[in-house]
C-alpha atoms as a PDB file:
ATOM      1  CA  MET A   1       0.000   0.000   0.000  1.00  0.00           C
ATOM      2  CA  ALA A   2       3.042   2.264  -0.174  1.00  0.00           C
ATOM      3  CA  PHE A   3       1.756   3.940  -3.340  1.00  0.00           C
ATOM      4  CA  LEU A   4      -1.215   5.263  -1.361  1.00  0.00           C
ATOM      5  CA  VAL A   5       1.085   7.443   0.721  1.00  0.00           C
ATOM      6  CA  LEU A   6       1.173  10.010  -2.082  1.00  0.00           C
ATOM      7  CA  GLY A   7      -0.077  13.485  -2.743  1.00  0.00           C
ATOM      8  CA  PHE A   8       2.787  15.672  -1.783  1.00  0.00           C
ATOM      9  CA  LEU A   9       2.077  16.768   1.767  1.00  0.00           C
ATOM     10  CA  VAL A  10       0.194  13.637   2.697  1.00  0.00           C
ATOM     11  CA  ALA A  11       3.521  11.923   2.390  1.00  0.00           C
ATOM     12  CA  LEU A  12       5.691  14.861   3.381  1.00  0.00           C
ATOM     13  CA  PHE A  13       3.955  15.558   6.706  1.00  0.00           C
ATOM     14  CA  LEU A  14       3.045  11.982   7.510  1.00  0.00           C
ATOM     15  CA  GLY A  15       4.488  12.265  10.970  1.00  0.00           C
ATOM     16  CA  GLY A  16       2.583  15.359  12.103  1.00  0.00           C
ATOM     17  CA  ASP A  17       3.079  19.117  11.941  1.00  0.00           C
ATOM     18  CA  ASN A  18       6.760  18.997  11.074  1.00  0.00           C
ATOM     19  CA  THR A  19       8.550  17.628   8.035  1.00  0.00           C
ATOM     20  CA  ASP A  20       9.663  14.347   9.617  1.00  0.00           C
ATOM     21  CA  GLY A  21       8.861  11.345   7.457  1.00  0.00           C
ATOM     22  CA  PHE A  22       9.919  12.714   4.080  1.00  0.00           C
ATOM     23  CA  GLU A  23       8.664   9.938   1.820  1.00  0.00           C
ATOM     24  CA  ARG A  24       9.362  10.818  -1.822  1.00  0.00           C
ATOM     25  CA  PRO A  25      10.896  13.505  -4.057  1.00  0.00           C
ATOM     26  CA  ILE A  26       8.890  16.683  -4.608  1.00  0.00           C
ATOM     27  CA  SER A  27       9.666  19.102  -7.414  1.00  0.00           C
ATOM     28  CA  PHE A  28       8.993  22.678  -8.395  1.00  0.00           C
ATOM     29  CA  GLN A  29       9.643  23.739 -11.960  1.00  0.00           C
ATOM     30  CA  VAL A  30       9.171  26.766 -14.167  1.00  0.00           C
ATOM     31  CA  ILE A  31       8.223  25.864 -17.740  1.00  0.00           C
ATOM     32  CA  VAL A  32       8.781  28.365 -20.544  1.00  0.00           C
ATOM     33  CA  ILE A  33       7.451  27.636 -24.044  1.00  0.00           C
ATOM     34  CA  GLU A  34       8.435  30.012 -26.835  1.00  0.00           C
ATOM     35  CA  SER A  35       6.806  29.626 -30.244  1.00  0.00           C
ATOM     36  CA  PHE A  36       8.705  31.372 -33.048  1.00  0.00           C
ATOM     37  CA  TYR A  37       6.439  31.844 -36.057  1.00  0.00           C
ATOM     38  CA  ASN A  38       8.795  34.141 -37.976  1.00  0.00           C
ATOM     39  CA  HIS A  39      11.568  36.655 -37.296  1.00  0.00           C
ATOM     40  CA  SER A  40       9.158  39.164 -35.719  1.00  0.00           C
ATOM     41  CA  TRP A  41       6.327  37.097 -34.224  1.00  0.00           C
ATOM     42  CA  VAL A  42       7.003  35.172 -31.028  1.00  0.00           C
ATOM     43  CA  GLN A  43       4.526  33.851 -28.455  1.00  0.00           C
ATOM     44  CA  SER A  44       5.818  33.113 -24.953  1.00  0.00           C
ATOM     45  CA  LEU A  45       4.114  31.120 -22.193  1.00  0.00           C
ATOM     46  CA  CYS A  46       5.441  30.618 -18.686  1.00  0.00           C
ATOM     47  CA  SER A  47       4.039  28.726 -15.696  1.00  0.00           C
ATOM     48  CA  GLY A  48       5.204  27.297 -12.355  1.00  0.00           C
ATOM     49  CA  TRP A  49       4.312  23.807 -11.123  1.00  0.00           C
ATOM     50  CA  LEU A  50       4.548  22.101  -7.741  1.00  0.00           C
ATOM     51  CA  ASP A  51       4.694  18.508  -8.912  1.00  0.00           C
ATOM     52  CA  GLU A  52       1.601  18.340 -11.176  1.00  0.00           C
ATOM     53  CA  LEU A  53      -0.221  21.304  -9.638  1.00  0.00           C
ATOM     54  CA  GLU A  54       0.059  24.651 -11.431  1.00  0.00           C
ATOM     55  CA  THR A  55       0.705  27.405  -8.891  1.00  0.00           C
ATOM     56  CA  LEU A  56       2.046  30.340 -10.956  1.00  0.00           C
ATOM     57  CA  ARG A  57       1.369  31.786 -14.383  1.00  0.00           C
ATOM     58  CA  TRP A  58       3.248  34.606 -16.064  1.00  0.00           C
ATOM     59  CA  GLU A  59       1.060  37.311 -17.582  1.00  0.00           C
ATOM     60  CA  LYS A  60       2.793  38.411 -20.767  1.00  0.00           C
ATOM     61  CA  ASN A  61       0.959  41.705 -21.272  1.00  0.00           C
ATOM     62  CA  SER A  62       1.716  43.029 -17.802  1.00  0.00           C
ATOM     63  CA  GLY A  63       4.953  41.125 -17.206  1.00  0.00           C
ATOM     64  CA  THR A  64       3.671  40.032 -13.796  1.00  0.00           C
ATOM     65  CA  ILE A  65       3.198  36.704 -12.046  1.00  0.00           C
ATOM     66  CA  GLY A  66      -0.346  35.474 -11.454  1.00  0.00           C
ATOM     67  CA  PHE A  67      -0.733  33.415  -8.270  1.00  0.00           C
ATOM     68  CA  LEU A  68      -3.219  30.606  -8.914  1.00  0.00           C
ATOM     69  CA  GLN A  69      -3.485  29.294  -5.348  1.00  0.00           C
ATOM     70  CA  PRO A  70      -4.059  31.260  -2.120  1.00  0.00           C
ATOM     71  CA  TRP A  71      -0.690  29.972  -0.895  1.00  0.00           C
ATOM     72  CA  SER A  72       1.234  30.315  -4.204  1.00  0.00           C
ATOM     73  CA  ARG A  73       3.454  33.073  -2.775  1.00  0.00           C
ATOM     74  CA  GLY A  74       4.878  30.653  -0.233  1.00  0.00           C
ATOM     75  CA  ASN A  75       6.755  32.505   2.501  1.00  0.00           C
ATOM     76  CA  PHE A  76       8.658  34.806   0.123  1.00  0.00           C
ATOM     77  CA  SER A  77       8.587  38.509   0.909  1.00  0.00           C
ATOM     78  CA  ASN A  78       7.210  41.011  -1.570  1.00  0.00           C
ATOM     79  CA  ASN A  79      10.769  42.020  -2.458  1.00  0.00           C
ATOM     80  CA  GLU A  80      11.763  38.413  -3.151  1.00  0.00           C
ATOM     81  CA  LEU A  81       8.678  37.907  -5.325  1.00  0.00           C
ATOM     82  CA  ALA A  82       9.487  41.108  -7.204  1.00  0.00           C
ATOM     83  CA  ASP A  83      13.031  39.781  -7.806  1.00  0.00           C
ATOM     84  CA  LEU A  84      11.564  36.513  -9.099  1.00  0.00           C
ATOM     85  CA  GLU A  85       9.258  38.434 -11.406  1.00  0.00           C
ATOM     86  CA  ARG A  86      12.155  40.485 -12.793  1.00  0.00           C
ATOM     87  CA  LEU A  87      14.200  37.308 -13.273  1.00  0.00           C
ATOM     88  CA  ILE A  88      11.442  35.657 -15.318  1.00  0.00           C
ATOM     89  CA  ASN A  89      11.003  38.741 -17.491  1.00  0.00           C
ATOM     90  CA  PHE A  90      14.759  39.042 -18.025  1.00  0.00           C
ATOM     91  CA  LYS A  91      15.173  35.369 -18.922  1.00  0.00           C
ATOM     92  CA  ILE A  92      12.303  35.345 -21.415  1.00  0.00           C
ATOM     93  CA  ALA A  93      13.364  38.596 -23.084  1.00  0.00           C
ATOM     94  CA  ALA A  94      17.033  37.587 -23.253  1.00  0.00           C
ATOM     95  CA  SER A  95      16.398  34.107 -24.628  1.00  0.00           C
ATOM     96  CA  THR A  96      13.950  35.411 -27.243  1.00  0.00           C
ATOM     97  CA  GLN A  97      16.433  38.031 -28.426  1.00  0.00           C
ATOM     98  CA  GLU A  98      19.402  35.658 -28.584  1.00  0.00           C
ATOM     99  CA  ILE A  99      17.488  32.910 -30.364  1.00  0.00           C
ATOM    100  CA  GLN A 100      16.210  35.351 -32.965  1.00  0.00           C
ATOM    101  CA  LYS A 101      19.708  36.746 -33.469  1.00  0.00           C
ATOM    102  CA  ASN A 102      21.305  33.312 -33.857  1.00  0.00           C
ATOM    103  CA  VAL A 103      18.493  31.409 -35.535  1.00  0.00           C
ATOM    104  CA  ASN A 104      20.584  30.540 -38.607  1.00  0.00           C
ATOM    105  CA  LYS A 105      23.672  29.618 -36.620  1.00  0.00           C
ATOM    106  CA  LEU A 106      21.546  27.346 -34.416  1.00  0.00           C
ATOM    107  CA  GLN A 107      20.049  25.682 -37.498  1.00  0.00           C
ATOM    108  CA  PHE A 108      16.520  26.479 -36.338  1.00  0.00           C
ATOM    109  CA  GLU A 109      13.828  26.602 -39.017  1.00  0.00           C
ATOM    110  CA  TYR A 110      10.639  28.679 -38.782  1.00  0.00           C
ATOM    111  CA  PRO A 111       8.151  27.961 -37.403  1.00  0.00           C
ATOM    112  CA  PHE A 112       9.689  26.260 -34.372  1.00  0.00           C
ATOM    113  CA  GLU A 113       9.228  25.902 -30.646  1.00  0.00           C
ATOM    114  CA  VAL A 114      11.739  26.004 -27.795  1.00  0.00           C
ATOM    115  CA  GLN A 115      10.881  24.588 -24.370  1.00  0.00           C
ATOM    116  CA  VAL A 116      12.876  25.432 -21.244  1.00  0.00           C
ATOM    117  CA  THR A 117      12.269  23.654 -17.933  1.00  0.00           C
ATOM    118  CA  LYS A 118      14.134  24.807 -14.844  1.00  0.00           C
ATOM    119  CA  GLY A 119      13.600  23.912 -11.224  1.00  0.00           C
ATOM    120  CA  CYS A 120      14.630  21.603  -8.426  1.00  0.00           C
ATOM    121  CA  GLU A 121      13.660  18.369  -6.748  1.00  0.00           C
ATOM    122  CA  LEU A 122      13.726  17.874  -2.994  1.00  0.00           C
ATOM    123  CA  GLN A 123      14.961  14.339  -2.381  1.00  0.00           C
ATOM    124  CA  SER A 124      15.195  14.592   1.401  1.00  0.00           C
ATOM    125  CA  GLU A 125      14.982  17.267   4.058  1.00  0.00           C
ATOM    126  CA  GLU A 126      18.606  18.247   3.364  1.00  0.00           C
ATOM    127  CA  THR A 127      19.132  17.329  -0.276  1.00  0.00           C
ATOM    128  CA  SER A 128      17.882  18.997  -3.437  1.00  0.00           C
ATOM    129  CA  VAL A 129      18.871  18.557  -7.076  1.00  0.00           C
ATOM    130  CA  GLY A 130      18.524  21.427  -9.541  1.00  0.00           C
ATOM    131  CA  PHE A 131      17.953  21.071 -13.245  1.00  0.00           C
ATOM    132  CA  VAL A 132      17.665  23.139 -16.417  1.00  0.00           C
ATOM    133  CA  ARG A 133      16.659  21.406 -19.652  1.00  0.00           C
ATOM    134  CA  VAL A 134      16.215  22.912 -23.101  1.00  0.00           C
ATOM    135  CA  ALA A 135      14.335  21.221 -25.946  1.00  0.00           C
ATOM    136  CA  TYR A 136      13.824  22.100 -29.605  1.00  0.00           C
ATOM    137  CA  GLN A 137      10.591  20.913 -31.226  1.00  0.00           C
ATOM    138  CA  GLY A 138      10.052  18.550 -28.290  1.00  0.00           C
ATOM    139  CA  THR A 139      13.487  16.901 -28.580  1.00  0.00           C
ATOM    140  CA  ASP A 140      16.119  17.317 -25.840  1.00  0.00           C
ATOM    141  CA  LEU A 141      18.746  19.843 -26.878  1.00  0.00           C
ATOM    142  CA  LEU A 142      20.943  20.651 -23.871  1.00  0.00           C
ATOM    143  CA  SER A 143      21.036  20.801 -20.074  1.00  0.00           C
ATOM    144  CA  LEU A 144      22.896  22.677 -17.347  1.00  0.00           C
ATOM    145  CA  GLU A 145      25.425  20.452 -15.561  1.00  0.00           C
ATOM    146  CA  ASN A 146      27.832  21.899 -12.964  1.00  0.00           C
ATOM    147  CA  ASN A 147      27.650  25.456 -14.317  1.00  0.00           C
ATOM    148  CA  SER A 148      28.183  24.284 -17.883  1.00  0.00           C
ATOM    149  CA  TRP A 149      25.757  23.675 -20.744  1.00  0.00           C
ATOM    150  CA  MET A 150      25.997  20.121 -22.051  1.00  0.00           C
ATOM    151  CA  PRO A 151      24.611  18.969 -25.432  1.00  0.00           C
ATOM    152  CA  SER A 152      22.060  16.181 -25.541  1.00  0.00           C
ATOM    153  CA  PRO A 153      22.941  13.147 -27.688  1.00  0.00           C
ATOM    154  CA  GLN A 154      19.530  13.435 -29.369  1.00  0.00           C
ATOM    155  CA  GLY A 155      20.253  17.020 -30.401  1.00  0.00           C
ATOM    156  CA  GLY A 156      23.016  16.198 -32.888  1.00  0.00           C
ATOM    157  CA  SER A 157      25.102  19.040 -34.336  1.00  0.00           C
ATOM    158  CA  ARG A 158      22.424  21.563 -33.415  1.00  0.00           C
ATOM    159  CA  ALA A 159      22.912  20.719 -29.712  1.00  0.00           C
ATOM    160  CA  GLN A 160      26.697  21.060 -30.042  1.00  0.00           C
ATOM    161  CA  ILE A 161      26.349  24.530 -31.537  1.00  0.00           C
ATOM    162  CA  ALA A 162      23.760  25.626 -28.929  1.00  0.00           C
ATOM    163  CA  SER A 163      25.908  24.483 -25.986  1.00  0.00           C
ATOM    164  CA  ARG A 164      29.018  26.271 -27.262  1.00  0.00           C
ATOM    165  CA  LEU A 165      27.020  29.446 -27.819  1.00  0.00           C
ATOM    166  CA  LEU A 166      25.221  29.392 -24.470  1.00  0.00           C
ATOM    167  CA  ASN A 167      28.414  28.736 -22.514  1.00  0.00           C
ATOM    168  CA  LEU A 168      29.589  32.184 -23.651  1.00  0.00           C
ATOM    169  CA  TYR A 169      26.794  33.843 -21.644  1.00  0.00           C
ATOM    170  CA  LYS A 170      28.257  33.667 -18.143  1.00  0.00           C
ATOM    171  CA  LEU A 171      25.651  35.937 -16.495  1.00  0.00           C
ATOM    172  CA  TYR A 172      22.744  33.946 -17.922  1.00  0.00           C
ATOM    173  CA  THR A 173      24.338  30.701 -16.707  1.00  0.00           C
ATOM    174  CA  ALA A 174      25.091  32.115 -13.246  1.00  0.00           C
ATOM    175  CA  THR A 175      21.533  33.351 -12.676  1.00  0.00           C
ATOM    176  CA  ALA A 176      20.129  29.996 -13.820  1.00  0.00           C
ATOM    177  CA  GLN A 177      22.453  28.142 -11.425  1.00  0.00           C
ATOM    178  CA  LYS A 178      21.482  30.393  -8.503  1.00  0.00           C
ATOM    179  CA  PHE A 179      17.799  29.840  -9.196  1.00  0.00           C
ATOM    180  CA  ILE A 180      17.985  26.048  -9.185  1.00  0.00           C
ATOM    181  CA  SER A 181      20.401  25.728  -6.246  1.00  0.00           C
ATOM    182  CA  ASP A 182      19.123  28.438  -3.887  1.00  0.00           C
ATOM    183  CA  THR A 183      15.894  30.202  -4.885  1.00  0.00           C
ATOM    184  CA  CYS A 184      13.994  27.095  -5.941  1.00  0.00           C
ATOM    185  CA  PRO A 185      14.552  24.919  -2.803  1.00  0.00           C
ATOM    186  CA  ARG A 186      13.625  27.812  -0.512  1.00  0.00           C
ATOM    187  CA  PHE A 187      10.532  28.504  -2.583  1.00  0.00           C
ATOM    188  CA  ILE A 188       9.375  24.862  -2.395  1.00  0.00           C
ATOM    189  CA  TRP A 189       9.626  24.785   1.391  1.00  0.00           C
ATOM    190  CA  GLY A 190       7.600  27.985   1.558  1.00  0.00           C
ATOM    191  CA  LEU A 191       4.904  26.532  -0.696  1.00  0.00           C
ATOM    192  CA  LEU A 192       4.698  23.335   1.325  1.00  0.00           C
ATOM    193  CA  GLU A 193       4.320  25.213   4.576  1.00  0.00           C
ATOM    194  CA  ALA A 194       1.866  27.828   3.286  1.00  0.00           C
ATOM    195  CA  GLY A 195      -0.246  25.292   1.392  1.00  0.00           C
ATOM    196  CA  LYS A 196      -0.089  22.541   3.969  1.00  0.00           C
ATOM    197  CA  GLU A 197      -3.781  22.549   4.876  1.00  0.00           C
ATOM    198  CA  ASP A 198      -4.944  22.553   1.270  1.00  0.00           C
ATOM    199  CA  LEU A 199      -2.391  20.004   0.068  1.00  0.00           C
ATOM    200  CA  GLN A 200      -3.179  17.596   2.904  1.00  0.00           C
ATOM    201  CA  ARG A 201      -6.937  17.472   2.235  1.00  0.00           C
ATOM    202  CA  GLN A 202      -8.434  14.088   1.453  1.00  0.00           C
ATOM    203  CA  LEU A 203     -11.598  13.632  -0.615  1.00  0.00           C
ATOM    204  CA  LYS A 204     -12.995  10.151  -1.157  1.00  0.00           C
ATOM    205  CA  PRO A 205     -13.749   8.954  -4.686  1.00  0.00           C
ATOM    206  CA  GLU A 206     -17.107   7.895  -6.044  1.00  0.00           C
ATOM    207  CA  ALA A 207     -17.170   4.976  -8.474  1.00  0.00           C
ATOM    208  CA  TRP A 208     -19.764   3.435 -10.780  1.00  0.00           C
ATOM    209  CA  LEU A 209     -19.906   0.810 -13.501  1.00  0.00           C
ATOM    210  CA  SER A 210     -21.466   0.872 -16.939  1.00  0.00           C
ATOM    211  CA  SER A 211     -21.071  -0.743 -20.347  1.00  0.00           C
ATOM    212  CA  GLY A 212     -19.544   1.132 -23.248  1.00  0.00           C
ATOM    213  CA  PRO A 213     -20.178   0.833 -26.986  1.00  0.00           C
ATOM    214  CA  SER A 214     -20.093  -2.807 -28.110  1.00  0.00           C
ATOM    215  CA  PRO A 215     -16.637  -3.696 -29.479  1.00  0.00           C
ATOM    216  CA  GLY A 216     -18.201  -6.383 -31.658  1.00  0.00           C
ATOM    217  CA  PRO A 217     -20.527  -9.395 -31.685  1.00  0.00           C
ATOM    218  CA  GLY A 218     -20.373 -11.330 -28.430  1.00  0.00           C
ATOM    219  CA  HIS A 219     -18.063  -8.813 -26.747  1.00  0.00           C
ATOM    220  CA  LEU A 220     -18.614  -6.272 -23.971  1.00  0.00           C
ATOM    221  CA  LEU A 221     -16.752  -3.108 -23.014  1.00  0.00           C
ATOM    222  CA  LEU A 222     -16.908  -2.758 -19.238  1.00  0.00           C
ATOM    223  CA  VAL A 223     -16.346   0.776 -17.918  1.00  0.00           C
ATOM    224  CA  CYS A 224     -15.383   1.782 -14.373  1.00  0.00           C
ATOM    225  CA  ARG A 225     -15.570   5.530 -13.710  1.00  0.00           C
ATOM    226  CA  VAL A 226     -14.048   7.134 -10.622  1.00  0.00           C
ATOM    227  CA  SER A 227     -14.492  10.817  -9.770  1.00  0.00           C
ATOM    228  CA  GLY A 228     -14.324  13.429  -7.025  1.00  0.00           C
ATOM    229  CA  PHE A 229     -11.094  12.273  -5.362  1.00  0.00           C
ATOM    230  CA  TYR A 230      -8.165  14.307  -4.060  1.00  0.00           C
ATOM    231  CA  PRO A 231      -5.166  14.147  -4.110  1.00  0.00           C
ATOM    232  CA  LYS A 232      -4.540  12.968  -7.663  1.00  0.00           C
ATOM    233  CA  PRO A 233      -2.714   9.615  -7.218  1.00  0.00           C
ATOM    234  CA  VAL A 234      -5.198   6.750  -7.568  1.00  0.00           C
ATOM    235  CA  LEU A 235      -5.131   3.121  -8.690  1.00  0.00           C
ATOM    236  CA  VAL A 236      -8.190   1.718 -10.472  1.00  0.00           C
ATOM    237  CA  THR A 237      -8.054  -1.865 -11.718  1.00  0.00           C
ATOM    238  CA  TRP A 238     -10.371  -4.437 -13.258  1.00  0.00           C
ATOM    239  CA  MET A 239      -9.827  -7.627 -11.265  1.00  0.00           C
ATOM    240  CA  ARG A 240     -10.713 -11.273 -11.493  1.00  0.00           C
ATOM    241  CA  GLY A 241     -10.291 -12.548  -7.982  1.00  0.00           C
ATOM    242  CA  ASN A 242      -6.910 -11.235  -6.821  1.00  0.00           C
ATOM    243  CA  GLN A 243      -5.447 -10.870 -10.316  1.00  0.00           C
ATOM    244  CA  GLU A 244      -5.616  -7.882 -12.639  1.00  0.00           C
ATOM    245  CA  GLN A 245      -7.690  -8.627 -15.730  1.00  0.00           C
ATOM    246  CA  PRO A 246      -5.506  -8.574 -18.879  1.00  0.00           C
ATOM    247  CA  GLY A 247      -6.391  -5.867 -21.355  1.00  0.00           C
ATOM    248  CA  THR A 248      -7.276  -3.213 -18.764  1.00  0.00           C
ATOM    249  CA  GLU A 249      -6.897   0.280 -20.230  1.00  0.00           C
ATOM    250  CA  ARG A 250      -6.706   3.484 -18.195  1.00  0.00           C
ATOM    251  CA  SER A 251      -7.388   7.031 -19.327  1.00  0.00           C
ATOM    252  CA  ASP A 252      -5.331   9.952 -18.091  1.00  0.00           C
ATOM    253  CA  VAL A 253      -6.320  11.262 -14.672  1.00  0.00           C
ATOM    254  CA  LEU A 254      -8.161  14.465 -15.580  1.00  0.00           C
ATOM    255  CA  PRO A 255      -9.159  17.480 -13.454  1.00  0.00           C
ATOM    256  CA  ASN A 256     -12.752  18.296 -12.551  1.00  0.00           C
ATOM    257  CA  ALA A 257     -13.914  21.911 -12.351  1.00  0.00           C
ATOM    258  CA  ASP A 258     -13.913  21.782  -8.520  1.00  0.00           C
ATOM    259  CA  GLY A 259     -10.240  20.797  -8.311  1.00  0.00           C
ATOM    260  CA  THR A 260     -10.869  17.076  -7.781  1.00  0.00           C
ATOM    261  CA  TRP A 261      -9.900  14.358 -10.253  1.00  0.00           C
ATOM    262  CA  TYR A 262     -11.547  11.865 -12.604  1.00  0.00           C
ATOM    263  CA  VAL A 263     -10.379   8.668 -14.310  1.00  0.00           C
ATOM    264  CA  ARG A 264     -11.961   6.049 -16.590  1.00  0.00           C
ATOM    265  CA  VAL A 265     -10.781   2.441 -16.746  1.00  0.00           C
ATOM    266  CA  THR A 266     -12.096  -0.062 -19.290  1.00  0.00           C
ATOM    267  CA  VAL A 267     -11.672  -3.704 -20.229  1.00  0.00           C
ATOM    268  CA  GLU A 268     -12.965  -5.618 -23.217  1.00  0.00           C
ATOM    269  CA  VAL A 269     -14.202  -9.172 -22.611  1.00  0.00           C
ATOM    270  CA  THR A 270     -16.471 -11.731 -24.216  1.00  0.00           C
ATOM    271  CA  ALA A 271     -20.004 -11.874 -22.837  1.00  0.00           C
ATOM    272  CA  GLY A 272     -19.196 -15.095 -21.011  1.00  0.00           C
ATOM    273  CA  GLU A 273     -16.110 -13.628 -19.317  1.00  0.00           C
ATOM    274  CA  ALA A 274     -17.880 -10.691 -17.646  1.00  0.00           C
ATOM    275  CA  ALA A 275     -19.115 -12.733 -14.689  1.00  0.00           C
ATOM    276  CA  GLY A 276     -16.636 -12.653 -11.827  1.00  0.00           C
ATOM    277  CA  LEU A 277     -15.022  -9.339 -12.748  1.00  0.00           C
ATOM    278  CA  SER A 278     -14.818  -6.423 -10.326  1.00  0.00           C
ATOM    279  CA  CYS A 279     -13.446  -2.887 -10.337  1.00  0.00           C
ATOM    280  CA  ARG A 280     -11.095  -2.056  -7.460  1.00  0.00           C
ATOM    281  CA  VAL A 281     -10.371   1.539  -6.423  1.00  0.00           C
ATOM    282  CA  GLN A 282      -7.417   2.347  -4.155  1.00  0.00           C
ATOM    283  CA  HIS A 283      -6.860   5.897  -2.881  1.00  0.00           C
ATOM    284  CA  SER A 284      -5.169   7.474   0.117  1.00  0.00           C
ATOM    285  CA  SER A 285      -8.503   8.837   1.418  1.00  0.00           C
ATOM    286  CA  LEU A 286      -9.876   5.290   1.704  1.00  0.00           C
ATOM    287  CA  GLY A 287      -7.111   3.907   3.880  1.00  0.00           C
ATOM    288  CA  ASP A 288      -7.376   0.115   3.670  1.00  0.00           C
ATOM    289  CA  GLN A 289     -11.075   0.219   2.748  1.00  0.00           C
ATOM    290  CA  ASP A 290     -10.802  -0.123  -1.022  1.00  0.00           C
ATOM    291  CA  ILE A 291     -13.922   0.362  -3.141  1.00  0.00           C
ATOM    292  CA  ILE A 292     -14.827  -2.902  -4.916  1.00  0.00           C
ATOM    293  CA  LEU A 293     -17.695  -2.982  -7.406  1.00  0.00           C
ATOM    294  CA  HIS A 294     -18.746  -6.364  -8.825  1.00  0.00           C
ATOM    295  CA  TRP A 295     -19.921  -6.453 -12.418  1.00  0.00           C
ATOM    296  CA  GLU A 296     -22.428  -9.285 -11.897  1.00  0.00           C
ATOM    297  CA  ARG A 297     -24.096  -7.328  -9.105  1.00  0.00           C
ATOM    298  CA  GLN A 298     -24.175  -4.264 -11.296  1.00  0.00           C
ATOM    299  CA  ASN A 299     -25.628  -6.375 -14.111  1.00  0.00           C
ATOM    300  CA  SER A 300     -28.304  -7.924 -11.843  1.00  0.00           C
ATOM    301  CA  THR A 301     -29.280  -4.524 -10.524  1.00  0.00           C
ATOM    302  CA  GLY A 302     -29.730  -3.342 -14.083  1.00  0.00           C
ATOM    303  CA  PHE A 303     -32.082  -6.239 -14.848  1.00  0.00           C
ATOM    304  CA  ILE A 304     -34.109  -5.569 -11.698  1.00  0.00           C
ATOM    305  CA  VAL A 305     -34.485  -1.898 -12.589  1.00  0.00           C
ATOM    306  CA  LEU A 306     -35.499  -2.841 -16.126  1.00  0.00           C
ATOM    307  CA  ALA A 307     -38.094  -5.326 -14.829  1.00  0.00           C
ATOM    308  CA  VAL A 308     -39.563  -2.706 -12.485  1.00  0.00           C
ATOM    309  CA  ILE A 309     -39.791  -0.217 -15.345  1.00  0.00           C
ATOM    310  CA  LEU A 310     -41.598  -2.777 -17.527  1.00  0.00           C
ATOM    311  CA  VAL A 311     -44.112  -3.590 -14.761  1.00  0.00           C
ATOM    312  CA  LEU A 312     -44.800   0.093 -14.183  1.00  0.00           C
ATOM    313  CA  ALA A 313     -45.288   0.588 -17.919  1.00  0.00           C
ATOM    314  CA  LEU A 314     -47.813  -2.281 -18.059  1.00  0.00           C
ATOM    315  CA  LEU A 315     -49.707  -0.895 -15.055  1.00  0.00           C
ATOM    316  CA  ALA A 316     -49.792   2.543 -16.637  1.00  0.00           C
ATOM    317  CA  GLY A 317     -51.186   1.017 -19.843  1.00  0.00           C
ATOM    318  CA  LEU A 318     -53.870  -0.842 -17.904  1.00  0.00           C
ATOM    319  CA  VAL A 319     -54.918   2.294 -16.040  1.00  0.00           C
ATOM    320  CA  PHE A 320     -55.116   4.216 -19.318  1.00  0.00           C
ATOM    321  CA  TRP A 321     -57.278   1.475 -20.889  1.00  0.00           C
ATOM    322  CA  LEU A 322     -59.672   1.382 -17.914  1.00  0.00           C
ATOM    323  CA  ARG A 323     -59.977   5.149 -17.895  1.00  0.00           C
ATOM    324  CA  LYS A 324     -60.810   5.138 -21.608  1.00  0.00           C
ATOM    325  CA  LEU A 325     -63.561   2.538 -20.985  1.00  0.00           C
ATOM    326  CA  TRP A 326     -64.893   4.606 -18.082  1.00  0.00           C
ATOM    327  CA  ILE A 327     -65.210   7.697 -20.281  1.00  0.00           C
ATOM    328  CA  HIS A 328     -67.059   5.918 -23.107  1.00  0.00           C
ATOM    329  CA  HIS A 329     -69.180   3.372 -21.155  1.00  0.00           C
ATOM    330  CA  GLY A 330     -69.416   4.717 -17.635  1.00  0.00           C
ATOM    331  CA  PRO A 331     -68.259   3.004 -14.418  1.00  0.00           C
ATOM    332  CA  PRO A 332     -67.373  -0.694 -14.593  1.00  0.00           C
ATOM    333  CA  HIS A 333     -70.736  -1.838 -13.130  1.00  0.00           C
ATOM    334  CA  ASN A 334     -72.589   0.050 -15.895  1.00  0.00           C
ATOM    335  CA  LEU A 335     -70.392  -1.631 -18.430  1.00  0.00           C
ATOM    336  CA  LEU A 336     -71.237  -4.991 -16.871  1.00  0.00           C
ATOM    337  CA  HIS A 337     -75.008  -4.270 -16.820  1.00  0.00           C
ATOM    338  CA  GLY A 338     -74.782  -3.012 -20.380  1.00  0.00           C
ATOM    339  CA  ASN A 339     -73.266  -6.280 -21.467  1.00  0.00           C
ATOM    340  CA  GLU A 340     -75.993  -8.250 -19.620  1.00  0.00           C
ATOM    341  CA  ASN A 341     -78.808  -6.198 -21.253  1.00  0.00           C
ATOM    342  CA  SER A 342     -77.291  -6.742 -24.667  1.00  0.00           C
ATOM    343  CA  ALA A 343     -77.155 -10.469 -24.055  1.00  0.00           C
ATOM    344  CA  ALA A 344     -80.800 -10.552 -22.875  1.00  0.00           C
ATOM    345  CA  GLN A 345     -81.977  -8.621 -25.891  1.00  0.00           C
ATOM    346  CA  ARG A 346     -80.212 -11.041 -28.235  1.00  0.00           C
ATOM    347  CA  HIS A 347     -81.856 -13.950 -26.341  1.00  0.00           C
ATOM    348  CA  ARG A 348     -85.377 -12.496 -26.853  1.00  0.00           C
ATOM    349  CA  GLU A 349     -84.730 -12.051 -30.512  1.00  0.00           C
END
């Protein structure tokens, strides 16, 4: 059940109000995506992420940082946040200018996209590892290693040229190194402390079963949907007994509008194989009380509901028929007497 001890602060503060019990690495990273359409048109996007949770977003028009969570400022002072804002603006402006100036030397071809990821990973209470990675068109180009830019093997000659060029910019390299080795670790600790209450919250999932579109004659697509849980890590599995059913397919874990998460897990089986299958949901909010939904029970419930609906429909039809007779022939006893009179009249004739 170790995987259940996830969701950053659930693991981080497992022992109480302090940071004893550090269970797994936690990262903060700033992602910059620059799309170069031609020599004069560039679109830049920048955001900050605590693991998979977006906490910051750079507003290009104003050149300011937007804080997406109430605790996104961490414990940084206003002056420190202003310095961080200036650093982001400087980095984006400088990289855009230098790329445009050296686009031919770098062997970049319009339109193209450059992605820069910089941040740090806390691996224990005393250890952090910084990183800066640059990619061109989604392929690794270079990275910052010990104050030096190193080419990626996947980048080929373009990576060699980019690393030689970037190593000439000592100030740019120094500010990047300071960010990943000093600013970033301090910022993470501030986020974890300021957002502790929110990050530690536990919301239990809801799960339900249904059948999807038929994959073909004699086959069923069984669907297990799980929604409303927090934090994000969850394990949903189609099981037969204690074994995972082969062919299980999982969607990405997607966000709901309220900040919780949703996932869909399916399995395709023949009609005869459906009996005995169950969907198992494991999440930190459930402890050891996993949710287990059995397909045969779900199937039987569906038949019961269908039978009830059919009975109600028949009763409604009978009531409608009796009402129609009432309107045209009067109450039932009149209808009965009317039938007797008709029979007597035929007898006399």
